Amino acid sequence: MADVATGNVGDTNPQPPPPDASANPIDPNEVPSLNNPIQFAQDDSDTIAMTKIQKVRTLEHNDTDLSGWKQALACQLIPYALEWLLESDIPRPPKSHASFERWKYWSRLVASWMYNQIDVTLQNKLRDLSKMPKYADYLYDELMAMTQGSDRMQMRVVYYL
């Protein structure tokens, strides 16, 4: 069925796009990467810091669905453009760089939030480490190693039984 006024057919959007809309709304210069590790282009940290990051399901020490937890974790961080803080292969800014203090703040905030998304057994294992990870990427890597190690151990026990 065609729209009489415009001649559009089907599920077309009757509203015109906003005047400042572009084909690609993401500025590639604002996305962290290996070549451009950190850019905090906007300074709205007070607004974001006051926002509560939603809880994800608790990661259990014997969890068998790590990919589901990883995805839920990243999806909660994406609206704040913080999901890349989990990636240890993206370099951190040097301590002398202007963005280091902001990176440190956000990484610790995400690490603190992540710590509250894990079970007591994993929290105890982290506390037993000689140095508990305080940044998001290190904590994330440590949690993945702990839970994947648990999975490998369970598989060995099943295999030998």
Protein backbone atom coordinates (compact mmCIF):
# COMPACT_ATOMS: atom_id res chain seq x y z
CA MET A 1 0.00 0.00 0.00
CA ALA A 2 1.46 3.34 -1.01
CA ASP A 3 1.44 6.53 1.03
CA VAL A 4 -0.72 8.90 -0.99
CA ALA A 5 1.19 12.05 -0.04
CA THR A 6 4.71 10.73 -0.70
CA GLY A 7 4.27 7.67 -2.87
CA ASN A 8 6.29 5.56 -0.38
CA VAL A 9 5.51 1.86 -0.35
CA GLY A 10 5.82 -0.55 2.60
CA ASP A 11 7.46 0.03 5.96
CA THR A 12 9.18 3.28 5.23
CA ASN A 13 9.70 5.77 8.01
CA PRO A 14 7.19 8.62 7.59
CA GLN A 15 9.39 10.96 9.63
CA PRO A 16 12.29 12.71 7.93
CA PRO A 17 15.71 12.14 9.50
CA PRO A 18 17.01 14.85 11.84
CA PRO A 19 19.02 17.52 10.02
CA ASP A 20 22.29 16.51 11.73
CA ALA A 21 21.93 12.77 11.07
CA SER A 22 24.69 11.14 9.07
CA ALA A 23 25.04 7.75 7.45
CA ASN A 24 27.63 6.75 10.08
CA PRO A 25 26.91 8.34 13.47
CA ILE A 26 30.07 6.88 15.04
CA ASP A 27 33.14 9.03 14.64
CA PRO A 28 36.00 6.57 14.02
CA ASN A 29 38.37 8.94 15.82
CA GLU A 30 36.42 8.41 19.06
CA VAL A 31 36.63 4.61 19.07
CA PRO A 32 39.55 3.14 21.03
CA SER A 33 41.80 0.79 19.12
CA LEU A 34 45.32 -0.53 19.15
CA ASN A 35 46.45 2.53 17.19
CA ASN A 36 44.39 5.02 19.17
CA PRO A 37 43.95 3.45 22.59
CA ILE A 38 42.04 6.05 24.54
CA GLN A 39 40.03 9.11 23.74
CA PHE A 40 37.69 10.69 26.23
CA ALA A 41 36.27 13.23 23.81
CA GLN A 42 33.42 14.38 26.01
CA ASP A 43 33.79 15.38 29.61
CA ASP A 44 30.42 14.31 30.98
CA SER A 45 31.90 12.04 33.63
CA ASP A 46 29.68 13.45 36.40
CA THR A 47 26.57 12.51 34.45
CA ILE A 48 27.81 9.01 33.72
CA ALA A 49 29.23 8.45 37.20
CA MET A 50 25.82 9.16 38.68
CA THR A 51 24.27 6.52 36.40
CA LYS A 52 23.86 3.09 37.92
CA ILE A 53 25.26 0.34 35.75
CA GLN A 54 22.69 -2.45 35.76
CA LYS A 55 23.43 -5.77 37.41
CA VAL A 56 24.14 -8.82 35.26
CA ARG A 57 23.70 -12.40 36.37
CA THR A 58 26.27 -13.49 38.91
CA LEU A 59 29.31 -15.29 37.54
CA GLU A 60 29.64 -18.53 39.48
CA HIS A 61 33.02 -20.17 40.12
CA ASN A 62 31.85 -23.28 38.22
CA ASP A 63 29.94 -21.45 35.50
CA THR A 64 29.69 -23.29 32.19
CA ASP A 65 28.35 -20.36 30.14
CA LEU A 66 31.22 -17.89 30.19
CA SER A 67 30.36 -16.44 26.79
CA GLY A 68 26.86 -15.53 28.01
CA TRP A 69 28.27 -13.72 31.05
CA LYS A 70 30.91 -11.94 28.94
CA GLN A 71 28.21 -10.78 26.52
CA ALA A 72 25.93 -9.55 29.32
CA LEU A 73 28.85 -7.70 30.88
CA ALA A 74 29.82 -5.97 27.62
CA CYS A 75 26.19 -5.10 26.82
CA GLN A 76 25.84 -3.24 30.11
CA LEU A 77 29.01 -1.24 29.41
CA ILE A 78 28.31 -0.41 25.74
CA PRO A 79 25.88 2.49 26.43
CA TYR A 80 28.65 4.21 28.39
CA ALA A 81 31.33 3.37 25.77
CA LEU A 82 33.30 1.52 28.46
CA GLU A 83 33.27 -2.06 27.13
CA TRP A 84 36.79 -1.68 25.73
CA LEU A 85 38.12 -1.34 29.29
CA LEU A 86 37.75 -5.14 29.55
CA GLU A 87 40.21 -5.72 26.72
CA SER A 88 43.79 -6.12 27.91
CA ASP A 89 45.07 -6.07 24.31
CA ILE A 90 44.09 -2.39 24.00
CA PRO A 91 47.03 -0.46 25.44
CA ARG A 92 46.55 1.78 28.44
CA PRO A 93 47.58 5.41 28.21
CA PRO A 94 51.01 6.20 29.64
CA LYS A 95 50.92 7.65 33.17
CA SER A 96 52.18 10.94 31.75
CA HIS A 97 49.29 11.17 29.24
CA ALA A 98 46.47 13.61 29.98
CA SER A 99 43.82 10.87 29.79
CA PHE A 100 45.51 8.48 32.24
CA GLU A 101 43.65 9.72 35.33
CA ARG A 102 40.29 9.42 33.57
CA TRP A 103 41.19 5.94 32.30
CA LYS A 104 42.21 4.94 35.83
CA TYR A 105 38.95 6.27 37.27
CA TRP A 106 36.74 4.44 34.76
CA SER A 107 38.76 1.23 34.87
CA ARG A 108 38.52 1.08 38.65
CA LEU A 109 34.81 1.89 38.53
CA VAL A 110 34.18 -0.96 36.08
CA ALA A 111 36.40 -3.31 38.13
CA SER A 112 34.46 -2.47 41.28
CA TRP A 113 31.15 -3.06 39.51
CA MET A 114 32.45 -6.33 38.03
CA TYR A 115 33.58 -7.56 41.45
CA ASN A 116 29.98 -7.25 42.62
CA GLN A 117 28.82 -9.44 39.72
CA ILE A 118 30.71 -12.57 40.86
CA ASP A 119 29.97 -15.19 43.50
CA VAL A 120 31.56 -15.34 46.94
CA THR A 121 33.89 -18.20 45.95
CA LEU A 122 35.44 -16.10 43.17
CA GLN A 123 35.62 -13.07 45.46
CA ASN A 124 37.53 -15.19 47.99
CA LYS A 125 39.89 -16.49 45.29
CA LEU A 126 40.61 -12.92 44.24
CA ARG A 127 41.28 -11.86 47.82
CA ASP A 128 43.70 -14.80 48.18
CA LEU A 129 45.87 -13.52 45.32
CA SER A 130 49.14 -11.86 46.31
CA LYS A 131 47.94 -8.73 44.49
CA MET A 132 44.26 -8.30 43.75
CA PRO A 133 43.62 -6.77 40.30
CA LYS A 134 42.29 -3.23 40.64
CA TYR A 135 41.83 -2.39 36.97
CA ALA A 136 39.01 -3.76 34.82
CA ASP A 137 41.14 -5.49 32.18
CA TYR A 138 43.29 -7.35 34.73
CA LEU A 139 40.28 -8.33 36.83
CA TYR A 140 38.42 -9.55 33.74
CA ASP A 141 41.42 -11.64 32.59
CA GLU A 142 41.85 -13.09 36.09
CA LEU A 143 38.17 -14.04 36.32
CA MET A 144 38.29 -15.70 32.92
CA ALA A 145 41.39 -17.68 33.94
CA MET A 146 39.80 -18.73 37.24
CA THR A 147 36.53 -19.89 35.72
CA GLN A 148 38.06 -21.52 32.65
CA GLY A 149 40.52 -23.30 34.93
CA SER A 150 37.55 -24.56 36.92
CA ASP A 151 35.93 -25.85 33.72
CA ARG A 152 39.13 -27.62 32.65
CA MET A 153 39.47 -29.19 36.08
CA GLN A 154 35.87 -30.45 35.98
CA MET A 155 36.41 -31.91 32.51
CA ARG A 156 39.52 -33.77 33.72
CA VAL A 157 37.63 -35.22 36.67
CA VAL A 158 34.79 -36.37 34.41
CA TYR A 159 37.27 -37.78 31.89
CA TYR A 160 39.13 -39.82 34.49
CA LEU A 161 35.96 -41.14 36.14
